[in-house]
N, C-alpha and C. Protein backbone atom coordinates (compact mmCIF):
# COMPACT_ATOMS: atom_id res chain seq x y z
N UNK A 1 3.52 3.52 -54.22
CA UNK A 1 3.75 4.62 -52.65
C UNK A 1 4.63 4.66 -51.91
N UNK A 2 4.70 5.71 -51.50
CA UNK A 2 6.21 6.22 -50.22
C UNK A 2 5.51 5.47 -49.06
N UNK A 3 7.08 5.85 -48.57
CA UNK A 3 6.92 5.13 -46.92
C UNK A 3 6.31 5.64 -46.03
N UNK A 4 6.17 6.90 -45.82
CA UNK A 4 4.90 7.00 -45.17
C UNK A 4 3.32 6.55 -45.25
N UNK A 5 3.27 6.63 -46.83
CA UNK A 5 2.07 6.16 -46.93
C UNK A 5 1.63 4.46 -46.34
N UNK A 6 2.83 3.90 -47.17
CA UNK A 6 3.01 2.12 -46.28
C UNK A 6 3.14 2.51 -44.70
N UNK A 7 3.75 3.46 -43.72
CA UNK A 7 3.44 2.78 -42.85
C UNK A 7 1.56 3.17 -42.08
N UNK A 8 1.26 4.39 -43.32
CA UNK A 8 -0.22 4.62 -42.41
C UNK A 8 -0.98 3.11 -42.85
N UNK A 9 -1.08 2.79 -44.11
CA UNK A 9 -1.75 1.25 -43.99
C UNK A 9 -1.17 0.51 -43.63
N UNK A 10 0.20 -0.09 -43.50
CA UNK A 10 -0.16 -0.95 -42.17
C UNK A 10 -0.53 -0.41 -40.96
N UNK A 11 -0.64 0.64 -40.47
CA UNK A 11 -0.92 1.09 -38.52
C UNK A 11 -2.46 1.09 -39.27
N UNK A 12 -3.11 1.41 -40.31
CA UNK A 12 -4.33 1.51 -40.23
C UNK A 12 -4.63 -0.50 -40.40
N UNK A 13 -4.54 -0.85 -41.56
CA UNK A 13 -4.74 -2.47 -41.55
C UNK A 13 -4.34 -3.03 -39.62
N UNK A 14 -3.21 -3.26 -39.46
CA UNK A 14 -2.89 -3.55 -37.89
C UNK A 14 -4.18 -3.03 -37.07
N UNK A 15 -5.13 -1.79 -37.05
CA UNK A 15 -5.93 -1.46 -36.05
C UNK A 15 -7.12 -2.24 -36.51
N UNK A 16 -7.40 -2.66 -37.95
CA UNK A 16 -8.36 -2.99 -38.25
C UNK A 16 -8.29 -4.53 -38.27
N UNK A 17 -7.25 -4.69 -37.82
CA UNK A 17 -7.17 -6.47 -37.09
C UNK A 17 -7.74 -6.86 -35.99
N UNK A 18 -7.05 -5.91 -34.93
CA UNK A 18 -7.53 -5.87 -33.90
C UNK A 18 -8.69 -5.15 -33.47
N UNK A 19 -9.49 -4.32 -34.32
CA UNK A 19 -10.89 -4.26 -33.93
C UNK A 19 -11.54 -5.36 -34.16
N UNK A 20 -11.35 -6.07 -35.07
CA UNK A 20 -12.16 -7.52 -35.74
C UNK A 20 -12.14 -8.20 -34.50
N UNK A 21 -10.89 -8.96 -34.18
CA UNK A 21 -11.07 -9.67 -33.19
C UNK A 21 -11.33 -9.10 -31.67
N UNK A 22 -11.69 -8.06 -31.24
CA UNK A 22 -12.47 -7.51 -30.47
C UNK A 22 -13.36 -7.47 -30.57
N UNK A 23 -14.09 -7.41 -31.70
CA UNK A 23 -15.27 -7.53 -31.72
C UNK A 23 -15.48 -8.75 -31.80
N UNK A 24 -14.90 -10.07 -32.62
CA UNK A 24 -15.28 -11.21 -32.14
C UNK A 24 -15.30 -11.64 -30.82
N UNK A 25 -14.56 -11.32 -29.94
CA UNK A 25 -14.11 -11.62 -28.88
C UNK A 25 -15.58 -11.19 -28.12
N UNK A 26 -15.81 -9.91 -28.00
CA UNK A 26 -17.27 -8.78 -27.36
C UNK A 26 -18.47 -10.01 -28.18
N UNK A 27 -18.67 -10.23 -29.20
CA UNK A 27 -19.74 -10.92 -29.45
C UNK A 27 -19.64 -12.41 -28.77
N UNK A 28 -18.82 -12.75 -28.81
CA UNK A 28 -18.52 -14.53 -28.27
C UNK A 28 -18.79 -13.98 -26.53
N UNK A 29 -18.28 -13.35 -26.58
CA UNK A 29 -18.17 -13.23 -24.50
C UNK A 29 -19.76 -12.65 -24.78
N UNK A 30 -20.95 -11.91 -25.12
CA UNK A 30 -22.14 -11.69 -25.15
C UNK A 30 -22.75 -12.89 -25.44
N UNK A 31 -22.59 -13.62 -26.51
CA UNK A 31 -22.87 -15.18 -27.29
C UNK A 31 -23.38 -16.05 -25.78
N UNK A 32 -22.04 -16.19 -25.36
CA UNK A 32 -22.10 -17.49 -24.03
C UNK A 32 -21.91 -17.20 -22.67
N UNK A 33 -23.16 -16.20 -21.92
CA UNK A 33 -23.09 -15.89 -20.60
C UNK A 33 -22.28 -16.43 -19.24
N UNK A 34 -22.39 -17.68 -19.82
CA UNK A 34 -22.06 -18.78 -18.71
C UNK A 34 -20.03 -18.19 -18.55
N UNK A 35 -19.95 -18.27 -20.04
CA UNK A 35 -18.15 -17.91 -19.90
C UNK A 35 -18.18 -16.54 -20.07
N UNK A 36 -17.01 -15.94 -19.41
CA UNK A 36 -16.20 -15.05 -19.05
C UNK A 36 -15.71 -14.45 -19.90
N UNK A 37 -15.23 -14.17 -20.73
CA UNK A 37 -14.15 -13.63 -21.65
C UNK A 37 -13.33 -12.58 -20.98
N UNK A 38 -12.29 -12.08 -20.23
CA UNK A 38 -11.37 -11.26 -19.81
C UNK A 38 -10.19 -10.92 -20.74
N UNK A 39 -9.82 -11.01 -22.25
CA UNK A 39 -8.98 -10.89 -22.98
C UNK A 39 -8.75 -9.55 -22.90
N UNK A 40 -9.84 -7.69 -22.62
CA UNK A 40 -9.61 -6.95 -22.43
C UNK A 40 -9.97 -6.18 -21.56
N UNK A 41 -9.71 -5.07 -20.71
CA UNK A 41 -10.18 -5.24 -19.27
C UNK A 41 -11.70 -4.55 -19.62
N UNK A 42 -11.96 -3.55 -20.41
CA UNK A 42 -13.27 -3.44 -20.45
C UNK A 42 -14.48 -4.27 -21.07
N UNK A 43 -14.00 -5.35 -20.99
CA UNK A 43 -14.69 -6.72 -21.15
C UNK A 43 -15.19 -7.10 -19.39
N UNK A 44 -14.58 -6.84 -18.65
CA UNK A 44 -14.91 -7.34 -16.82
C UNK A 44 -15.95 -6.31 -17.01
N UNK A 45 -16.34 -5.10 -17.60
CA UNK A 45 -17.78 -4.58 -16.70
C UNK A 45 -18.60 -3.97 -18.80
N UNK A 46 -18.90 -4.62 -19.46
CA UNK A 46 -19.74 -4.18 -20.45
C UNK A 46 -20.39 -3.42 -20.61
N UNK A 47 -21.10 -2.48 -19.24
CA UNK A 47 -21.39 -1.41 -18.79
C UNK A 47 -21.75 -0.50 -17.97
N UNK A 48 -22.11 0.34 -18.14
CA UNK A 48 -22.06 1.21 -17.17
C UNK A 48 -22.68 1.20 -15.84
N UNK A 49 -23.64 0.71 -15.97
CA UNK A 49 -24.25 0.38 -14.60
C UNK A 49 -23.28 -0.97 -13.69
N UNK A 50 -22.58 -2.04 -14.29
CA UNK A 50 -22.06 -3.08 -14.11
C UNK A 50 -20.86 -2.14 -13.81
N UNK A 51 -20.16 -1.62 -13.99
CA UNK A 51 -19.04 -0.60 -13.84
C UNK A 51 -18.94 -0.04 -12.47
N UNK A 52 -20.44 0.58 -11.82
CA UNK A 52 -20.90 0.82 -10.78
C UNK A 52 -20.99 0.01 -9.53
N UNK A 53 -21.90 -0.67 -10.23
CA UNK A 53 -22.21 -2.03 -9.46
C UNK A 53 -20.57 -2.92 -8.65
N UNK A 54 -19.70 -3.01 -9.58
CA UNK A 54 -18.27 -3.47 -9.14
C UNK A 54 -17.30 -2.08 -8.54
N UNK A 55 -17.77 -0.73 -8.68
CA UNK A 55 -17.23 0.23 -7.92
C UNK A 55 -17.90 0.37 -6.47
N UNK A 56 -19.01 0.29 -6.35
CA UNK A 56 -19.86 0.36 -5.11
C UNK A 56 -19.69 -1.42 -4.24
N UNK A 57 -19.54 -2.20 -4.27
CA UNK A 57 -18.50 -3.29 -4.26
C UNK A 57 -17.78 -3.22 -3.51
N UNK A 58 -16.73 -2.07 -3.71
CA UNK A 58 -15.50 -2.35 -3.57
C UNK A 58 -15.94 -1.21 -1.96
N UNK A 59 -16.69 -0.10 -2.17
CA UNK A 59 -16.58 0.53 -1.64
C UNK A 59 -17.33 -0.14 0.01
N UNK A 60 -18.14 -0.69 0.03
CA UNK A 60 -18.99 -1.62 1.03
C UNK A 60 -17.74 -2.78 1.19
N UNK A 61 -17.00 -3.46 1.04
CA UNK A 61 -15.68 -4.52 1.15
C UNK A 61 -14.84 -3.19 1.90
N UNK A 62 -14.96 -1.90 1.70
CA UNK A 62 -14.00 -1.37 2.27
C UNK A 62 -14.11 -1.45 4.07
N UNK A 63 -16.15 -0.87 3.81
CA UNK A 63 -16.82 -0.45 4.64
C UNK A 63 -16.66 -1.37 5.69
N UNK A 64 -16.70 -2.59 5.16
CA UNK A 64 -17.51 -4.27 5.96
C UNK A 64 -16.38 -4.34 6.74
N UNK A 65 -15.24 -4.34 5.78
CA UNK A 65 -13.24 -4.84 6.23
C UNK A 65 -12.77 -3.98 6.89
N UNK A 66 -12.66 -2.55 6.57
CA UNK A 66 -11.84 -1.42 6.70
C UNK A 66 -11.84 -0.69 8.11
N UNK A 67 -11.43 -0.97 9.37
CA UNK A 67 -11.88 -0.26 10.77
C UNK A 67 -11.83 1.55 10.22
N UNK A 68 -10.99 1.52 9.63
CA UNK A 68 -10.29 2.76 9.70
C UNK A 68 -10.91 3.68 8.94
N UNK A 69 -11.71 2.95 7.29
CA UNK A 69 -12.27 3.55 6.34
C UNK A 69 -14.00 3.95 7.61
N UNK A 70 -13.89 2.99 8.13
CA UNK A 70 -15.64 3.32 9.03
C UNK A 70 -15.45 4.77 10.03
N UNK A 71 -13.99 4.72 10.38
CA UNK A 71 -13.42 6.00 10.91
C UNK A 71 -13.93 6.75 10.72
N UNK A 72 -12.97 6.89 9.34
CA UNK A 72 -13.42 8.44 8.34
C UNK A 72 -14.71 8.31 7.92
N UNK A 73 -15.18 7.46 7.52
CA UNK A 73 -16.96 7.90 6.90
C UNK A 73 -17.68 8.62 8.41
N UNK A 74 -17.07 8.15 9.69
CA UNK A 74 -18.05 8.57 10.64
C UNK A 74 -17.71 9.84 11.05
N UNK A 75 -16.31 10.40 11.44
CA UNK A 75 -15.31 12.13 11.21
C UNK A 75 -16.13 12.26 10.05
N UNK A 76 -15.92 12.38 8.75
CA UNK A 76 -16.51 13.19 7.53
C UNK A 76 -17.94 13.22 8.18
N UNK A 77 -18.65 12.56 8.44
CA UNK A 77 -20.20 12.62 8.69
C UNK A 77 -20.26 13.53 9.49
N UNK A 78 -19.70 13.83 10.55
CA UNK A 78 -20.09 14.35 12.07
C UNK A 78 -19.26 15.76 11.71
N UNK A 79 -18.26 15.72 10.17
CA UNK A 79 -17.72 16.98 10.22
C UNK A 79 -18.70 18.44 8.92
N UNK A 80 -19.67 17.07 7.96
CA UNK A 80 -19.98 17.87 7.10
C UNK A 80 -21.77 17.86 8.64
N UNK A 81 -22.38 17.27 9.47
CA UNK A 81 -22.94 18.00 10.03
C UNK A 81 -23.00 18.43 10.96
N UNK A 82 -21.43 18.76 11.05
CA UNK A 82 -21.44 20.36 11.94
C UNK A 82 -20.95 20.97 11.11
N UNK A 83 -20.95 21.44 9.74
CA UNK A 83 -20.77 22.23 9.07
C UNK A 83 -22.17 23.11 8.61
N UNK A 84 -23.11 22.10 8.53
CA UNK A 84 -24.60 22.19 7.96
C UNK A 84 -25.10 23.27 9.52
N UNK A 85 -24.83 22.60 10.50
CA UNK A 85 -25.17 23.24 12.13
C UNK A 85 -25.19 24.27 12.14
N UNK A 86 -23.76 24.97 11.83
CA UNK A 86 -23.01 26.22 12.02
C UNK A 86 -23.31 27.23 10.60
N UNK A 87 -23.98 26.48 9.75
CA UNK A 87 -24.37 26.94 8.39
C UNK A 87 -23.32 28.01 7.96
N UNK A 88 -21.88 26.86 7.65
CA UNK A 88 -21.24 27.67 6.81
C UNK A 88 -20.88 27.85 5.62
N UNK A 89 -20.61 28.51 5.18
CA UNK A 89 -20.90 28.55 3.52
C UNK A 89 -20.10 27.70 2.37
N UNK A 90 -21.61 27.90 1.50
CA UNK A 90 -21.04 26.78 0.34
C UNK A 90 -20.02 26.26 -0.06
N UNK A 91 -19.09 27.66 -0.46
CA UNK A 91 -17.53 27.08 -0.39
C UNK A 91 -16.97 26.65 1.02
N UNK A 92 -16.95 27.03 2.11
CA UNK A 92 -16.20 26.28 3.16
C UNK A 92 -16.79 25.02 3.58
N UNK A 93 -18.02 24.57 2.73
CA UNK A 93 -18.74 23.63 2.64
C UNK A 93 -17.75 22.29 2.05
N UNK A 94 -18.06 22.75 0.69
CA UNK A 94 -16.80 21.90 0.02
C UNK A 94 -16.21 21.30 -0.22
N UNK A 95 -14.63 22.42 0.73
CA UNK A 95 -14.08 22.18 0.98
C UNK A 95 -14.15 21.53 2.20
N UNK A 96 -14.58 21.12 3.12
CA UNK A 96 -14.71 19.67 4.27
C UNK A 96 -15.16 18.79 3.48
N UNK A 97 -16.44 18.91 2.35
CA UNK A 97 -16.42 17.85 1.79
C UNK A 97 -15.42 16.67 0.67
N UNK A 98 -14.76 18.02 -0.13
CA UNK A 98 -13.52 17.58 -0.15
C UNK A 98 -12.44 16.74 0.32
N UNK A 99 -11.74 17.42 0.75
CA UNK A 99 -11.34 17.01 2.34
C UNK A 99 -11.13 15.34 2.76
N UNK A 100 -12.21 15.80 3.46
CA UNK A 100 -12.82 14.29 4.11
C UNK A 100 -13.02 13.66 2.74
N UNK A 101 -13.38 13.47 1.53
CA UNK A 101 -13.40 12.28 0.51
C UNK A 101 -11.67 12.45 -0.10
N UNK A 102 -10.86 12.81 0.21
CA UNK A 102 -9.92 12.51 -0.74
C UNK A 102 -9.31 11.49 0.92
N UNK A 103 -9.62 12.09 1.86
CA UNK A 103 -9.15 10.73 2.56
C UNK A 103 -9.47 9.32 2.51
N UNK A 104 -10.53 9.43 1.80
CA UNK A 104 -12.06 8.41 1.87
C UNK A 104 -11.71 7.76 1.00
N UNK A 105 -10.94 7.87 -0.36
CA UNK A 105 -10.27 7.77 -1.81
C UNK A 105 -9.02 7.14 -1.30
N UNK A 106 -8.08 8.21 -0.48
CA UNK A 106 -7.09 7.32 -0.29
C UNK A 106 -6.96 5.88 0.40
N UNK A 107 -7.95 6.36 1.58
CA UNK A 107 -8.35 4.73 1.94
C UNK A 107 -8.18 3.86 1.39
N UNK A 108 -8.95 3.91 0.23
CA UNK A 108 -9.54 2.82 -0.54
C UNK A 108 -8.86 2.52 -1.43
N UNK A 109 -7.47 3.41 -1.70
CA UNK A 109 -6.44 3.23 -2.56
C UNK A 109 -5.29 2.31 -1.71
N UNK A 110 -5.43 2.78 -0.25
CA UNK A 110 -4.52 2.06 0.50
C UNK A 110 -5.27 0.32 0.43
N UNK A 111 -6.58 0.08 0.85
CA UNK A 111 -7.14 -1.16 0.52
C UNK A 111 -6.16 -1.86 -0.58
N UNK A 112 -6.91 -1.06 -1.05
CA UNK A 112 -6.22 -1.49 -2.57
C UNK A 112 -5.06 -2.18 -2.61
N UNK A 113 -3.83 -1.74 -2.36
CA UNK A 113 -2.23 -1.32 -2.37
C UNK A 113 -2.42 -2.94 -1.53
N UNK A 114 -3.14 -2.81 -0.34
CA UNK A 114 -2.30 -4.07 0.85
C UNK A 114 -3.26 -5.09 -0.03
N UNK A 115 -4.25 -5.38 -0.43
CA UNK A 115 -4.63 -6.61 -1.37
C UNK A 115 -4.08 -7.00 -2.03
N UNK A 116 -2.93 -6.36 -3.14
CA UNK A 116 -2.42 -6.71 -4.16
C UNK A 116 -1.01 -7.17 -3.91
N UNK A 117 -0.17 -6.53 -2.28
CA UNK A 117 0.80 -7.14 -2.40
C UNK A 117 0.59 -8.29 -1.63
N UNK A 118 -0.92 -8.09 -0.24
CA UNK A 118 -0.74 -9.54 -0.07
C UNK A 118 -0.85 -11.00 -0.95
N UNK A 119 -1.82 -10.30 -1.71
CA UNK A 119 -1.96 -11.68 -3.07
C UNK A 119 -0.13 -11.63 -3.52
N UNK A 120 0.78 -10.97 -3.74
CA UNK A 120 2.36 -10.73 -4.49
C UNK A 120 2.90 -11.49 -3.32
N UNK A 121 2.78 -11.32 -1.90
CA UNK A 121 4.03 -12.45 -1.43
C UNK A 121 3.36 -13.19 -0.67
N UNK A 122 1.67 -13.10 -0.41
CA UNK A 122 1.22 -14.58 0.28
C UNK A 122 1.32 -14.61 1.78
N UNK A 123 1.88 -15.42 2.00
CA UNK A 123 2.11 -15.64 3.92
C UNK A 123 3.60 -15.04 4.31
N UNK A 124 4.50 -14.57 2.98
CA UNK A 124 5.69 -14.29 3.82
C UNK A 124 6.22 -12.64 3.82
N UNK A 125 7.26 -12.67 4.52
CA UNK A 125 7.32 -10.96 4.98
C UNK A 125 8.72 -10.65 3.45
N UNK A 126 8.07 -8.93 3.41
CA UNK A 126 9.02 -8.70 2.27
C UNK A 126 9.25 -7.77 2.33
N UNK A 127 10.61 -7.25 2.65
CA UNK A 127 10.86 -5.56 2.80
C UNK A 127 10.07 -4.51 1.48
N UNK A 128 10.58 -4.99 0.68
CA UNK A 128 9.67 -4.13 -0.43
C UNK A 128 8.01 -4.10 -0.61
N UNK A 129 7.03 -5.21 0.18
CA UNK A 129 5.49 -5.54 0.58
C UNK A 129 5.78 -4.28 1.81
N UNK A 130 6.44 -4.26 2.64
CA UNK A 130 6.56 -3.38 3.76
C UNK A 130 6.18 -2.01 3.57
N UNK A 131 7.29 -1.62 2.73
CA UNK A 131 7.64 0.00 2.09
C UNK A 131 6.29 -0.19 1.30
N UNK A 132 5.81 -0.53 0.63
CA UNK A 132 4.66 -0.22 -0.16
C UNK A 132 3.12 0.27 0.62
N UNK A 133 2.78 -0.74 1.81
CA UNK A 133 1.93 -0.90 2.83
C UNK A 133 2.16 0.38 3.71
N UNK A 134 3.10 0.14 3.88
CA UNK A 134 4.01 1.90 4.82
C UNK A 134 3.92 3.12 4.25
N UNK A 135 3.72 2.65 3.25
CA UNK A 135 3.94 4.55 2.26
C UNK A 135 2.41 4.57 1.82
N UNK A 136 1.83 3.25 1.42
CA UNK A 136 0.29 3.89 1.21
C UNK A 136 -0.51 4.27 2.61
N UNK A 137 -0.21 3.18 3.43
CA UNK A 137 -1.20 3.90 5.04
C UNK A 137 -0.41 5.77 5.60
N UNK A 138 1.08 5.55 5.44
CA UNK A 138 1.35 7.08 5.14
C UNK A 138 0.48 8.00 4.60
N UNK A 139 0.43 7.74 3.66
CA UNK A 139 -0.18 8.42 2.26
C UNK A 139 -1.84 9.39 3.25
N UNK A 140 -2.66 8.58 4.08
CA UNK A 140 -4.05 8.25 3.90
C UNK A 140 -3.80 8.96 5.47
N UNK A 141 -2.87 8.71 6.73
CA UNK A 141 -2.63 9.70 7.29
C UNK A 141 -2.18 10.61 7.39
N UNK A 142 -1.85 11.52 6.36
CA UNK A 142 -0.88 12.83 5.97
C UNK A 142 -2.30 12.92 5.54
N UNK A 143 -2.82 12.99 5.06
CA UNK A 143 -4.45 13.64 4.10
C UNK A 143 -5.46 13.86 5.41
N UNK A 144 -5.25 12.53 6.41
CA UNK A 144 -6.28 12.79 7.71
C UNK A 144 -5.71 13.74 8.40
N UNK A 145 -4.62 13.77 8.72
CA UNK A 145 -3.78 15.23 9.34
C UNK A 145 -4.57 16.52 8.99
N UNK A 146 -4.16 16.40 7.60
CA UNK A 146 -4.33 17.37 6.52
C UNK A 146 -6.03 17.82 6.90
N UNK A 147 -6.75 16.97 6.54
CA UNK A 147 -7.93 16.88 6.79
C UNK A 147 -8.99 17.58 7.93
N UNK A 148 -8.59 16.84 9.48
CA UNK A 148 -9.12 17.68 10.92
C UNK A 148 -8.58 18.87 10.84
N UNK A 149 -7.23 19.52 10.24
CA UNK A 149 -6.87 20.66 10.15
C UNK A 149 -7.56 21.96 9.42
N UNK A 150 -7.67 21.50 8.01
CA UNK A 150 -9.21 22.24 7.39
C UNK A 150 -10.18 22.31 8.13
N UNK A 151 -10.66 21.31 8.43
CA UNK A 151 -11.76 21.40 9.39
C UNK A 151 -11.62 22.34 10.88
N UNK A 152 -10.77 22.06 11.39
CA UNK A 152 -10.07 22.81 12.49
C UNK A 152 -10.56 24.29 11.69
N UNK A 153 -9.47 24.60 10.74
CA UNK A 153 -9.46 26.46 10.91
C UNK A 153 -11.33 26.75 10.12
N UNK A 154 -12.08 25.70 9.57
CA UNK A 154 -13.17 26.00 8.93
C UNK A 154 -14.25 26.42 9.95
N UNK A 155 -13.88 25.35 10.97
CA UNK A 155 -15.55 24.40 11.96
C UNK A 155 -15.06 25.46 13.16
N UNK A 156 -14.26 25.60 13.70
CA UNK A 156 -13.37 26.59 14.81
C UNK A 156 -14.22 27.68 15.31
N UNK A 157 -13.95 28.84 14.56
CA UNK A 157 -14.36 29.85 14.22
C UNK A 157 -15.75 30.25 14.88
N UNK A 158 -16.38 29.69 14.31
CA UNK A 158 -18.19 29.65 14.31
C UNK A 158 -18.67 28.48 15.56
N UNK A 159 -17.58 27.95 15.73
CA UNK A 159 -18.23 26.88 16.73
C UNK A 159 -18.05 27.93 18.21
N UNK A 160 -16.79 28.38 18.08
CA UNK A 160 -16.28 29.39 19.11
C UNK A 160 -17.57 30.27 19.80
N UNK A 161 -18.13 31.05 18.16
CA UNK A 161 -18.31 32.39 18.51
C UNK A 161 -19.83 31.51 19.11
N UNK A 162 -20.90 30.16 18.48
CA UNK A 162 -21.66 29.88 19.51
C UNK A 162 -21.67 29.56 20.77
N UNK A 163 -20.06 29.21 20.84
CA UNK A 163 -20.72 28.55 22.87
C UNK A 163 -20.50 29.88 23.41
N UNK A 164 -19.84 30.71 23.15
CA UNK A 164 -19.78 32.09 23.74
C UNK A 164 -20.36 33.10 23.85
N UNK A 165 -21.95 32.73 22.49
CA UNK A 165 -22.71 33.51 22.68
C UNK A 165 -23.96 32.89 23.72
N UNK A 166 -23.42 31.89 24.02
CA UNK A 166 -24.85 30.60 24.68
C UNK A 166 -23.99 31.02 26.11
N UNK A 167 -22.82 31.29 26.20
CA UNK A 167 -22.32 31.89 27.86
C UNK A 167 -22.67 33.70 28.23
């Protein structure tokens, strides 16, 4: 056998060994419902429905605990409602929806970063923890400012036109 064939064979056998241990662990976790096996990340949510359930749990957590997330949702609903009322084009509406979504996504990431940092440093102060939290909050702030500017550029002209026509 050549050296490259030996490498391929050893890699394949390594893959097979890992795959068989994954299969065994998965079978064990299904057979024992009370015992949670978390050797691999995908075993936390063995099916798609459970993945969606966990994702919505994160959104619910942020909504229930983060004032800013609720504010972003309220402003997003207001912007989309105003867009519908003003009958803006589908392309303009998609831009507004996407910018609102980006702000909310960044708020969720900010919440996750804050939770991980708090878990790591506990009740103590650490300069790097402050930097991580401040930068994540800054990302949300910049995206929120950008979303307001985008919404203003799209919604103000038809809104002003509507107001002028009413006068």
